[in-house]
Amino acid sequence: GFGGGMLDLIMPTVLATAAGPALAGRVMGLMGIVIPLAPILGPILG
């Protein structure tokens, strides 16, 4: 749980930095969809 919690904090920053200023908004929008869906779809897929 600690590792997963850290991932939720670090991943958007890493992705926004990698995408650059022009695509940072799009990346954050996608993360806004993925982060809430992962705890729902993960156990179902498992």
ModelCIF file with pLDDT and N, C-alpha, C, O atoms, coordinates in Angstrom:
data_MODEL
#
_entry.id   MODEL 
#
_entity.id                         1 
_entity.type                       polymer 
_entity.pdbx_number_of_molecules   1 
#
_entity_poly.entity_id                      1 
_entity_poly.type                           'polypeptide(L)' 
_entity_poly.nstd_linkage                   no 
_entity_poly.nstd_monomer                   no 
_entity_poly.pdbx_seq_one_letter_code       GFGGGMLDLIMPTVLATAAGPALAGRVMGLMGIVIPLAPILGPILG 
_entity_poly.pdbx_seq_one_letter_code_can   GFGGGMLDLIMPTVLATAAGPALAGRVMGLMGIVIPLAPILGPILG 
_entity_poly.pdbx_strand_id                 A 
#
loop_
_entity_poly_seq.entity_id 
_entity_poly_seq.num 
_entity_poly_seq.mon_id 
_entity_poly_seq.hetero 
1 1  GLY n 
1 2  PHE n 
1 3  GLY n 
1 4  GLY n 
1 5  GLY n 
1 6  MET n 
1 7  LEU n 
1 8  ASP n 
1 9  LEU n 
1 10 ILE n 
1 11 MET n 
1 12 PRO n 
1 13 THR n 
1 14 VAL n 
1 15 LEU n 
1 16 ALA n 
1 17 THR n 
1 18 ALA n 
1 19 ALA n 
1 20 GLY n 
1 21 PRO n 
1 22 ALA n 
1 23 LEU n 
1 24 ALA n 
1 25 GLY n 
1 26 ARG n 
1 27 VAL n 
1 28 MET n 
1 29 GLY n 
1 30 LEU n 
1 31 MET n 
1 32 GLY n 
1 33 ILE n 
1 34 VAL n 
1 35 ILE n 
1 36 PRO n 
1 37 LEU n 
1 38 ALA n 
1 39 PRO n 
1 40 ILE n 
1 41 LEU n 
1 42 GLY n 
1 43 PRO n 
1 44 ILE n 
1 45 LEU n 
1 46 GLY n 
#
_struct_asym.id          A 
_struct_asym.entity_id   1 
#
loop_
_ma_qa_metric.id 
_ma_qa_metric.mode 
_ma_qa_metric.name 
_ma_qa_metric.software_group_id 
_ma_qa_metric.type 
1 global pLDDT . pLDDT 
2 local  pLDDT . pLDDT 
#
_ma_qa_metric_global.metric_id      1 
_ma_qa_metric_global.metric_value   84.67 
_ma_qa_metric_global.model_id       1 
_ma_qa_metric_global.ordinal_id     1 
#
loop_
_ma_qa_metric_local.label_asym_id 
_ma_qa_metric_local.label_comp_id 
_ma_qa_metric_local.label_seq_id 
_ma_qa_metric_local.metric_id 
_ma_qa_metric_local.metric_value 
_ma_qa_metric_local.model_id 
_ma_qa_metric_local.ordinal_id 
A GLY 1  2 87.00 1 1  
A PHE 2  2 87.00 1 2  
A GLY 3  2 83.00 1 3  
A GLY 4  2 80.00 1 4  
A GLY 5  2 80.00 1 5  
A MET 6  2 83.00 1 6  
A LEU 7  2 79.00 1 7  
A ASP 8  2 74.00 1 8  
A LEU 9  2 79.00 1 9  
A ILE 10 2 86.00 1 10 
A MET 11 2 81.00 1 11 
A PRO 12 2 79.00 1 12 
A THR 13 2 83.00 1 13 
A VAL 14 2 86.00 1 14 
A LEU 15 2 84.00 1 15 
A ALA 16 2 83.00 1 16 
A THR 17 2 87.00 1 17 
A ALA 18 2 88.00 1 18 
A ALA 19 2 86.00 1 19 
A GLY 20 2 86.00 1 20 
A PRO 21 2 86.00 1 21 
A ALA 22 2 88.00 1 22 
A LEU 23 2 87.00 1 23 
A ALA 24 2 84.00 1 24 
A GLY 25 2 86.00 1 25 
A ARG 26 2 88.00 1 26 
A VAL 27 2 84.00 1 27 
A MET 28 2 83.00 1 28 
A GLY 29 2 86.00 1 29 
A LEU 30 2 84.00 1 30 
A MET 31 2 81.00 1 31 
A GLY 32 2 82.00 1 32 
A ILE 33 2 85.00 1 33 
A VAL 34 2 81.00 1 34 
A ILE 35 2 79.00 1 35 
A PRO 36 2 84.00 1 36 
A LEU 37 2 87.00 1 37 
A ALA 38 2 83.00 1 38 
A PRO 39 2 84.00 1 39 
A ILE 40 2 90.00 1 40 
A LEU 41 2 90.00 1 41 
A GLY 42 2 88.00 1 42 
A PRO 43 2 91.00 1 43 
A ILE 44 2 92.00 1 44 
A LEU 45 2 92.00 1 45 
A GLY 46 2 89.00 1 46 
#
loop_
_atom_site.group_PDB 
_atom_site.id 
_atom_site.type_symbol 
_atom_site.label_atom_id 
_atom_site.label_alt_id 
_atom_site.label_comp_id 
_atom_site.label_asym_id 
_atom_site.label_entity_id 
_atom_site.label_seq_id 
_atom_site.pdbx_PDB_ins_code 
_atom_site.Cartn_x 
_atom_site.Cartn_y 
_atom_site.Cartn_z 
_atom_site.occupancy 
_atom_site.B_iso_or_equiv 
_atom_site.pdbx_formal_charge 
_atom_site.auth_seq_id 
_atom_site.auth_comp_id 
_atom_site.auth_asym_id 
_atom_site.auth_atom_id 
_atom_site.pdbx_PDB_model_num 
ATOM 1   N N  . GLY A 1 1  ? 0.812   -1.211  0.000   1.00 87.00 ? 1  GLY A N  1 
ATOM 2   C CA . GLY A 1 1  ? 0.000   0.000   0.000   1.00 87.00 ? 1  GLY A CA 1 
ATOM 3   C C  . GLY A 1 1  ? 0.848   1.264   0.000   1.00 87.00 ? 1  GLY A C  1 
ATOM 4   O O  . GLY A 1 1  ? 0.507   2.248   -0.655  1.00 87.00 ? 1  GLY A O  1 
ATOM 5   N N  . PHE A 1 2  ? 1.945   1.233   0.732   1.00 87.00 ? 2  PHE A N  1 
ATOM 6   C CA . PHE A 1 2  ? 2.855   2.380   0.747   1.00 87.00 ? 2  PHE A CA 1 
ATOM 7   C C  . PHE A 1 2  ? 3.430   2.625   -0.643  1.00 87.00 ? 2  PHE A C  1 
ATOM 8   O O  . PHE A 1 2  ? 3.488   3.763   -1.109  1.00 87.00 ? 2  PHE A O  1 
ATOM 9   N N  . GLY A 1 3  ? 3.853   1.555   -1.297  1.00 83.00 ? 3  GLY A N  1 
ATOM 10  C CA . GLY A 1 3  ? 4.390   1.688   -2.656  1.00 83.00 ? 3  GLY A CA 1 
ATOM 11  C C  . GLY A 1 3  ? 3.356   2.204   -3.637  1.00 83.00 ? 3  GLY A C  1 
ATOM 12  O O  . GLY A 1 3  ? 3.664   3.049   -4.477  1.00 83.00 ? 3  GLY A O  1 
ATOM 13  N N  . GLY A 1 4  ? 2.138   1.708   -3.539  1.00 80.00 ? 4  GLY A N  1 
ATOM 14  C CA . GLY A 1 4  ? 1.066   2.178   -4.413  1.00 80.00 ? 4  GLY A CA 1 
ATOM 15  C C  . GLY A 1 4  ? 0.713   3.627   -4.154  1.00 80.00 ? 4  GLY A C  1 
ATOM 16  O O  . GLY A 1 4  ? 0.438   4.381   -5.087  1.00 80.00 ? 4  GLY A O  1 
ATOM 17  N N  . GLY A 1 5  ? 0.720   4.021   -2.881  1.00 80.00 ? 5  GLY A N  1 
ATOM 18  C CA . GLY A 1 5  ? 0.445   5.416   -2.547  1.00 80.00 ? 5  GLY A CA 1 
ATOM 19  C C  . GLY A 1 5  ? 1.509   6.357   -3.078  1.00 80.00 ? 5  GLY A C  1 
ATOM 20  O O  . GLY A 1 5  ? 1.199   7.453   -3.545  1.00 80.00 ? 5  GLY A O  1 
ATOM 21  N N  . MET A 1 6  ? 2.745   5.938   -3.009  1.00 83.00 ? 6  MET A N  1 
ATOM 22  C CA . MET A 1 6  ? 3.830   6.756   -3.548  1.00 83.00 ? 6  MET A CA 1 
ATOM 23  C C  . MET A 1 6  ? 3.731   6.865   -5.068  1.00 83.00 ? 6  MET A C  1 
ATOM 24  O O  . MET A 1 6  ? 4.030   7.912   -5.642  1.00 83.00 ? 6  MET A O  1 
ATOM 25  N N  . LEU A 1 7  ? 3.320   5.803   -5.697  1.00 79.00 ? 7  LEU A N  1 
ATOM 26  C CA . LEU A 1 7  ? 3.172   5.812   -7.146  1.00 79.00 ? 7  LEU A CA 1 
ATOM 27  C C  . LEU A 1 7  ? 2.120   6.821   -7.573  1.00 79.00 ? 7  LEU A C  1 
ATOM 28  O O  . LEU A 1 7  ? 2.304   7.521   -8.569  1.00 79.00 ? 7  LEU A O  1 
ATOM 29  N N  . ASP A 1 8  ? 1.014   6.907   -6.832  1.00 74.00 ? 8  ASP A N  1 
ATOM 30  C CA . ASP A 1 8  ? -0.035  7.871   -7.159  1.00 74.00 ? 8  ASP A CA 1 
ATOM 31  C C  . ASP A 1 8  ? 0.461   9.307   -7.055  1.00 74.00 ? 8  ASP A C  1 
ATOM 32  O O  . ASP A 1 8  ? -0.028  10.182  -7.769  1.00 74.00 ? 8  ASP A O  1 
ATOM 33  N N  . LEU A 1 9  ? 1.420   9.558   -6.179  1.00 79.00 ? 9  LEU A N  1 
ATOM 34  C CA . LEU A 1 9  ? 1.955   10.910  -6.028  1.00 79.00 ? 9  LEU A CA 1 
ATOM 35  C C  . LEU A 1 9  ? 3.021   11.242  -7.055  1.00 79.00 ? 9  LEU A C  1 
ATOM 36  O O  . LEU A 1 9  ? 3.083   12.370  -7.545  1.00 79.00 ? 9  LEU A O  1 
ATOM 37  N N  . ILE A 1 10 ? 3.849   10.286  -7.382  1.00 86.00 ? 10 ILE A N  1 
ATOM 38  C CA . ILE A 1 10 ? 5.007   10.548  -8.235  1.00 86.00 ? 10 ILE A CA 1 
ATOM 39  C C  . ILE A 1 10 ? 4.673   10.474  -9.726  1.00 86.00 ? 10 ILE A C  1 
ATOM 40  O O  . ILE A 1 10 ? 5.200   11.258  -10.516 1.00 86.00 ? 10 ILE A O  1 
ATOM 41  N N  . MET A 1 11 ? 3.814   9.553   -10.110 1.00 81.00 ? 11 MET A N  1 
ATOM 42  C CA . MET A 1 11 ? 3.573   9.303   -11.536 1.00 81.00 ? 11 MET A CA 1 
ATOM 43  C C  . MET A 1 11 ? 3.057   10.521  -12.302 1.00 81.00 ? 11 MET A C  1 
ATOM 44  O O  . MET A 1 11 ? 3.575   10.784  -13.387 1.00 81.00 ? 11 MET A O  1 
ATOM 45  N N  . PRO A 1 12 ? 2.071   11.284  -11.813 1.00 79.00 ? 12 PRO A N  1 
ATOM 46  C CA . PRO A 1 12 ? 1.634   12.460  -12.593 1.00 79.00 ? 12 PRO A CA 1 
ATOM 47  C C  . PRO A 1 12 ? 2.756   13.470  -12.826 1.00 79.00 ? 12 PRO A C  1 
ATOM 48  O O  . PRO A 1 12 ? 2.832   14.073  -13.896 1.00 79.00 ? 12 PRO A O  1 
ATOM 49  N N  . THR A 1 13 ? 3.615   13.656  -11.845 1.00 83.00 ? 13 THR A N  1 
ATOM 50  C CA . THR A 1 13 ? 4.730   14.587  -11.998 1.00 83.00 ? 13 THR A CA 1 
ATOM 51  C C  . THR A 1 13 ? 5.703   14.099  -13.061 1.00 83.00 ? 13 THR A C  1 
ATOM 52  O O  . THR A 1 13 ? 6.159   14.878  -13.898 1.00 83.00 ? 13 THR A O  1 
ATOM 53  N N  . VAL A 1 14 ? 6.017   12.818  -13.027 1.00 86.00 ? 14 VAL A N  1 
ATOM 54  C CA . VAL A 1 14 ? 6.939   12.254  -14.014 1.00 86.00 ? 14 VAL A CA 1 
ATOM 55  C C  . VAL A 1 14 ? 6.345   12.352  -15.423 1.00 86.00 ? 14 VAL A C  1 
ATOM 56  O O  . VAL A 1 14 ? 7.035   12.732  -16.368 1.00 86.00 ? 14 VAL A O  1 
ATOM 57  N N  . LEU A 1 15 ? 5.069   12.007  -15.553 1.00 84.00 ? 15 LEU A N  1 
ATOM 58  C CA . LEU A 1 15 ? 4.436   12.056  -16.872 1.00 84.00 ? 15 LEU A CA 1 
ATOM 59  C C  . LEU A 1 15 ? 4.318   13.476  -17.410 1.00 84.00 ? 15 LEU A C  1 
ATOM 60  O O  . LEU A 1 15 ? 4.559   13.707  -18.595 1.00 84.00 ? 15 LEU A O  1 
ATOM 61  N N  . ALA A 1 16 ? 3.952   14.429  -16.560 1.00 83.00 ? 16 ALA A N  1 
ATOM 62  C CA . ALA A 1 16 ? 3.847   15.816  -17.005 1.00 83.00 ? 16 ALA A CA 1 
ATOM 63  C C  . ALA A 1 16 ? 5.200   16.363  -17.427 1.00 83.00 ? 16 ALA A C  1 
ATOM 64  O O  . ALA A 1 16 ? 5.295   17.101  -18.407 1.00 83.00 ? 16 ALA A O  1 
ATOM 65  N N  . THR A 1 17 ? 6.243   16.007  -16.697 1.00 87.00 ? 17 THR A N  1 
ATOM 66  C CA . THR A 1 17 ? 7.593   16.450  -17.050 1.00 87.00 ? 17 THR A CA 1 
ATOM 67  C C  . THR A 1 17 ? 8.025   15.832  -18.378 1.00 87.00 ? 17 THR A C  1 
ATOM 68  O O  . THR A 1 17 ? 8.616   16.512  -19.217 1.00 87.00 ? 17 THR A O  1 
ATOM 69  N N  . ALA A 1 18 ? 7.734   14.553  -18.569 1.00 88.00 ? 18 ALA A N  1 
ATOM 70  C CA . ALA A 1 18 ? 8.113   13.879  -19.807 1.00 88.00 ? 18 ALA A CA 1 
ATOM 71  C C  . ALA A 1 18 ? 7.328   14.405  -20.999 1.00 88.00 ? 18 ALA A C  1 
ATOM 72  O O  . ALA A 1 18 ? 7.862   14.483  -22.106 1.00 88.00 ? 18 ALA A O  1 
ATOM 73  N N  . ALA A 1 19 ? 6.060   14.768  -20.786 1.00 86.00 ? 19 ALA A N  1 
ATOM 74  C CA . ALA A 1 19 ? 5.224   15.250  -21.888 1.00 86.00 ? 19 ALA A CA 1 
ATOM 75  C C  . ALA A 1 19 ? 5.601   16.658  -22.307 1.00 86.00 ? 19 ALA A C  1 
ATOM 76  O O  . ALA A 1 19 ? 5.430   17.020  -23.471 1.00 86.00 ? 19 ALA A O  1 
ATOM 77  N N  . GLY A 1 20 ? 6.109   17.455  -21.388 1.00 86.00 ? 20 GLY A N  1 
ATOM 78  C CA . GLY A 1 20 ? 6.466   18.834  -21.703 1.00 86.00 ? 20 GLY A CA 1 
ATOM 79  C C  . GLY A 1 20 ? 5.284   19.767  -21.496 1.00 86.00 ? 20 GLY A C  1 
ATOM 80  O O  . GLY A 1 20 ? 4.158   19.317  -21.284 1.00 86.00 ? 20 GLY A O  1 
ATOM 81  N N  . PRO A 1 21 ? 5.543   21.065  -21.558 1.00 86.00 ? 21 PRO A N  1 
ATOM 82  C CA . PRO A 1 21 ? 4.498   22.044  -21.272 1.00 86.00 ? 21 PRO A CA 1 
ATOM 83  C C  . PRO A 1 21 ? 3.312   21.994  -22.240 1.00 86.00 ? 21 PRO A C  1 
ATOM 84  O O  . PRO A 1 21 ? 2.179   22.255  -21.836 1.00 86.00 ? 21 PRO A O  1 
ATOM 85  N N  . ALA A 1 22 ? 3.552   21.670  -23.478 1.00 88.00 ? 22 ALA A N  1 
ATOM 86  C CA . ALA A 1 22 ? 2.472   21.684  -24.473 1.00 88.00 ? 22 ALA A CA 1 
ATOM 87  C C  . ALA A 1 22 ? 1.451   20.571  -24.234 1.00 88.00 ? 22 ALA A C  1 
ATOM 88  O O  . ALA A 1 22 ? 0.264   20.765  -24.495 1.00 88.00 ? 22 ALA A O  1 
ATOM 89  N N  . LEU A 1 23 ? 1.883   19.426  -23.749 1.00 87.00 ? 23 LEU A N  1 
ATOM 90  C CA . LEU A 1 23 ? 0.981   18.284  -23.573 1.00 87.00 ? 23 LEU A CA 1 
ATOM 91  C C  . LEU A 1 23 ? 0.669   17.968  -22.108 1.00 87.00 ? 23 LEU A C  1 
ATOM 92  O O  . LEU A 1 23 ? -0.003  16.977  -21.822 1.00 87.00 ? 23 LEU A O  1 
ATOM 93  N N  . ALA A 1 24 ? 1.146   18.790  -21.191 1.00 84.00 ? 24 ALA A N  1 
ATOM 94  C CA . ALA A 1 24 ? 0.954   18.505  -19.769 1.00 84.00 ? 24 ALA A CA 1 
ATOM 95  C C  . ALA A 1 24 ? -0.523  18.449  -19.397 1.00 84.00 ? 24 ALA A C  1 
ATOM 96  O O  . ALA A 1 24 ? -0.922  17.594  -18.606 1.00 84.00 ? 24 ALA A O  1 
ATOM 97  N N  . GLY A 1 25 ? -1.336  19.333  -19.946 1.00 86.00 ? 25 GLY A N  1 
ATOM 98  C CA . GLY A 1 25 ? -2.765  19.334  -19.652 1.00 86.00 ? 25 GLY A CA 1 
ATOM 99  C C  . GLY A 1 25 ? -3.454  18.066  -20.111 1.00 86.00 ? 25 GLY A C  1 
ATOM 100 O O  . GLY A 1 25 ? -4.299  17.521  -19.400 1.00 86.00 ? 25 GLY A O  1 
ATOM 101 N N  . ARG A 1 26 ? -3.103  17.596  -21.284 1.00 88.00 ? 26 ARG A N  1 
ATOM 102 C CA . ARG A 1 26 ? -3.693  16.363  -21.816 1.00 88.00 ? 26 ARG A CA 1 
ATOM 103 C C  . ARG A 1 26 ? -3.296  15.158  -20.954 1.00 88.00 ? 26 ARG A C  1 
ATOM 104 O O  . ARG A 1 26 ? -4.119  14.289  -20.664 1.00 88.00 ? 26 ARG A O  1 
ATOM 105 N N  . VAL A 1 27 ? -2.040  15.124  -20.557 1.00 84.00 ? 27 VAL A N  1 
ATOM 106 C CA . VAL A 1 27 ? -1.559  14.023  -19.711 1.00 84.00 ? 27 VAL A CA 1 
ATOM 107 C C  . VAL A 1 27 ? -2.281  14.035  -18.369 1.00 84.00 ? 27 VAL A C  1 
ATOM 108 O O  . VAL A 1 27 ? -2.692  12.983  -17.880 1.00 84.00 ? 27 VAL A O  1 
ATOM 109 N N  . MET A 1 28 ? -2.440  15.206  -17.772 1.00 83.00 ? 28 MET A N  1 
ATOM 110 C CA . MET A 1 28 ? -3.138  15.294  -16.484 1.00 83.00 ? 28 MET A CA 1 
ATOM 111 C C  . MET A 1 28 ? -4.604  14.886  -16.629 1.00 83.00 ? 28 MET A C  1 
ATOM 112 O O  . MET A 1 28 ? -5.169  14.274  -15.722 1.00 83.00 ? 28 MET A O  1 
ATOM 113 N N  . GLY A 1 29 ? -5.219  15.219  -17.757 1.00 86.00 ? 29 GLY A N  1 
ATOM 114 C CA . GLY A 1 29 ? -6.592  14.786  -17.999 1.00 86.00 ? 29 GLY A CA 1 
ATOM 115 C C  . GLY A 1 29 ? -6.707  13.274  -18.085 1.00 86.00 ? 29 GLY A C  1 
ATOM 116 O O  . GLY A 1 29 ? -7.641  12.688  -17.537 1.00 86.00 ? 29 GLY A O  1 
ATOM 117 N N  . LEU A 1 30 ? -5.771  12.643  -18.765 1.00 84.00 ? 30 LEU A N  1 
ATOM 118 C CA . LEU A 1 30 ? -5.774  11.181  -18.846 1.00 84.00 ? 30 LEU A CA 1 
ATOM 119 C C  . LEU A 1 30 ? -5.537  10.541  -17.486 1.00 84.00 ? 30 LEU A C  1 
ATOM 120 O O  . LEU A 1 30 ? -6.159  9.531   -17.158 1.00 84.00 ? 30 LEU A O  1 
ATOM 121 N N  . MET A 1 31 ? -4.645  11.117  -16.699 1.00 81.00 ? 31 MET A N  1 
ATOM 122 C CA . MET A 1 31 ? -4.396  10.583  -15.358 1.00 81.00 ? 31 MET A CA 1 
ATOM 123 C C  . MET A 1 31 ? -5.624  10.752  -14.468 1.00 81.00 ? 31 MET A C  1 
ATOM 124 O O  . MET A 1 31 ? -5.864  9.944   -13.572 1.00 81.00 ? 31 MET A O  1 
ATOM 125 N N  . GLY A 1 32 ? -6.398  11.805  -14.718 1.00 82.00 ? 32 GLY A N  1 
ATOM 126 C CA . GLY A 1 32 ? -7.630  12.007  -13.967 1.00 82.00 ? 32 GLY A CA 1 
ATOM 127 C C  . GLY A 1 32 ? -8.664  10.942  -14.251 1.00 82.00 ? 32 GLY A C  1 
ATOM 128 O O  . GLY A 1 32 ? -9.579  10.734  -13.453 1.00 82.00 ? 32 GLY A O  1 
ATOM 129 N N  . ILE A 1 33 ? -8.532  10.267  -15.375 1.00 85.00 ? 33 ILE A N  1 
ATOM 130 C CA . ILE A 1 33 ? -9.428  9.155   -15.713 1.00 85.00 ? 33 ILE A CA 1 
ATOM 131 C C  . ILE A 1 33 ? -8.860  7.835   -15.199 1.00 85.00 ? 33 ILE A C  1 
ATOM 132 O O  . ILE A 1 33 ? -9.591  7.021   -14.636 1.00 85.00 ? 33 ILE A O  1 
ATOM 133 N N  . VAL A 1 34 ? -7.583  7.626   -15.385 1.00 81.00 ? 34 VAL A N  1 
ATOM 134 C CA . VAL A 1 34 ? -6.949  6.349   -15.063 1.00 81.00 ? 34 VAL A CA 1 
ATOM 135 C C  . VAL A 1 34 ? -6.895  6.090   -13.556 1.00 81.00 ? 34 VAL A C  1 
ATOM 136 O O  . VAL A 1 34 ? -7.206  4.986   -13.108 1.00 81.00 ? 34 VAL A O  1 
ATOM 137 N N  . ILE A 1 35 ? -6.507  7.088   -12.780 1.00 79.00 ? 35 ILE A N  1 
ATOM 138 C CA . ILE A 1 35 ? -6.317  6.882   -11.341 1.00 79.00 ? 35 ILE A CA 1 
ATOM 139 C C  . ILE A 1 35 ? -7.608  6.444   -10.643 1.00 79.00 ? 35 ILE A C  1 
ATOM 140 O O  . ILE A 1 35 ? -7.552  5.526   -9.824  1.00 79.00 ? 35 ILE A O  1 
ATOM 141 N N  . PRO A 1 36 ? -8.775  7.052   -10.924 1.00 84.00 ? 36 PRO A N  1 
ATOM 142 C CA . PRO A 1 36 ? -9.992  6.558   -10.255 1.00 84.00 ? 36 PRO A CA 1 
ATOM 143 C C  . PRO A 1 36 ? -10.461 5.191   -10.773 1.00 84.00 ? 36 PRO A C  1 
ATOM 144 O O  . PRO A 1 36 ? -11.078 4.432   -10.026 1.00 84.00 ? 36 PRO A O  1 
ATOM 145 N N  . LEU A 1 37 ? -10.178 4.874   -12.026 1.00 87.00 ? 37 LEU A N  1 
ATOM 146 C CA . LEU A 1 37 ? -10.651 3.611   -12.590 1.00 87.00 ? 37 LEU A CA 1 
ATOM 147 C C  . LEU A 1 37 ? -9.805  2.412   -12.179 1.00 87.00 ? 37 LEU A C  1 
ATOM 148 O O  . LEU A 1 37 ? -10.313 1.292   -12.128 1.00 87.00 ? 37 LEU A O  1 
ATOM 149 N N  . ALA A 1 38 ? -8.538  2.624   -11.890 1.00 83.00 ? 38 ALA A N  1 
ATOM 150 C CA . ALA A 1 38 ? -7.654  1.505   -11.564 1.00 83.00 ? 38 ALA A CA 1 
ATOM 151 C C  . ALA A 1 38 ? -8.115  0.704   -10.349 1.00 83.00 ? 38 ALA A C  1 
ATOM 152 O O  . ALA A 1 38 ? -8.103  -0.525  -10.418 1.00 83.00 ? 38 ALA A O  1 
ATOM 153 N N  . PRO A 1 39 ? -8.523  1.328   -9.235  1.00 84.00 ? 39 PRO A N  1 
ATOM 154 C CA . PRO A 1 39 ? -8.981  0.525   -8.098  1.00 84.00 ? 39 PRO A CA 1 
ATOM 155 C C  . PRO A 1 39 ? -10.294 -0.212  -8.369  1.00 84.00 ? 39 PRO A C  1 
ATOM 156 O O  . PRO A 1 39 ? -10.608 -1.193  -7.695  1.00 84.00 ? 39 PRO A O  1 
ATOM 157 N N  . ILE A 1 40 ? -11.046 0.252   -9.336  1.00 90.00 ? 40 ILE A N  1 
ATOM 158 C CA . ILE A 1 40 ? -12.307 -0.414  -9.679  1.00 90.00 ? 40 ILE A CA 1 
ATOM 159 C C  . ILE A 1 40 ? -12.050 -1.580  -10.626 1.00 90.00 ? 40 ILE A C  1 
ATOM 160 O O  . ILE A 1 40 ? -12.531 -2.692  -10.406 1.00 90.00 ? 40 ILE A O  1 
ATOM 161 N N  . LEU A 1 41 ? -11.291 -1.315  -11.677 1.00 90.00 ? 41 LEU A N  1 
ATOM 162 C CA . LEU A 1 41 ? -11.084 -2.331  -12.708 1.00 90.00 ? 41 LEU A CA 1 
ATOM 163 C C  . LEU A 1 41 ? -10.004 -3.348  -12.343 1.00 90.00 ? 41 LEU A C  1 
ATOM 164 O O  . LEU A 1 41 ? -10.035 -4.475  -12.836 1.00 90.00 ? 41 LEU A O  1 
ATOM 165 N N  . GLY A 1 42 ? -9.050  -2.974  -11.490 1.00 88.00 ? 42 GLY A N  1 
ATOM 166 C CA . GLY A 1 42 ? -7.968  -3.882  -11.106 1.00 88.00 ? 42 GLY A CA 1 
ATOM 167 C C  . GLY A 1 42 ? -8.459  -5.166  -10.453 1.00 88.00 ? 42 GLY A C  1 
ATOM 168 O O  . GLY A 1 42 ? -8.096  -6.254  -10.900 1.00 88.00 ? 42 GLY A O  1 
ATOM 169 N N  . PRO A 1 43 ? -9.283  -5.069  -9.400  1.00 91.00 ? 43 PRO A N  1 
ATOM 170 C CA . PRO A 1 43 ? -9.779  -6.300  -8.779  1.00 91.00 ? 43 PRO A CA 1 
ATOM 171 C C  . PRO A 1 43 ? -10.676 -7.127  -9.714  1.00 91.00 ? 43 PRO A C  1 
ATOM 172 O O  . PRO A 1 43 ? -10.674 -8.356  -9.657  1.00 91.00 ? 43 PRO A O  1 
ATOM 173 N N  . ILE A 1 44 ? -11.423 -6.456  -10.554 1.00 92.00 ? 44 ILE A N  1 
ATOM 174 C CA . ILE A 1 44 ? -12.269 -7.196  -11.502 1.00 92.00 ? 44 ILE A CA 1 
ATOM 175 C C  . ILE A 1 44 ? -11.401 -7.976  -12.480 1.00 92.00 ? 44 ILE A C  1 
ATOM 176 O O  . ILE A 1 44 ? -11.635 -9.160  -12.721 1.00 92.00 ? 44 ILE A O  1 
ATOM 177 N N  . LEU A 1 45 ? -10.402 -7.310  -13.037 1.00 92.00 ? 45 LEU A N  1 
ATOM 178 C CA . LEU A 1 45 ? -9.498  -7.986  -13.974 1.00 92.00 ? 45 LEU A CA 1 
ATOM 179 C C  . LEU A 1 45 ? -8.722  -9.096  -13.276 1.00 92.00 ? 45 LEU A C  1 
ATOM 180 O O  . LEU A 1 45 ? -8.516  -10.164 -13.852 1.00 92.00 ? 45 LEU A O  1 
ATOM 181 N N  . GLY A 1 46 ? -8.290  -8.852  -12.039 1.00 89.00 ? 46 GLY A N  1 
ATOM 182 C CA . GLY A 1 46 ? -7.600  -9.892  -11.275 1.00 89.00 ? 46 GLY A CA 1 
ATOM 183 C C  . GLY A 1 46 ? -8.482  -11.103 -11.050 1.00 89.00 ? 46 GLY A C  1 
ATOM 184 O O  . GLY A 1 46 ? -8.052  -12.072 -10.423 1.00 89.00 ? 46 GLY A O  1 
#
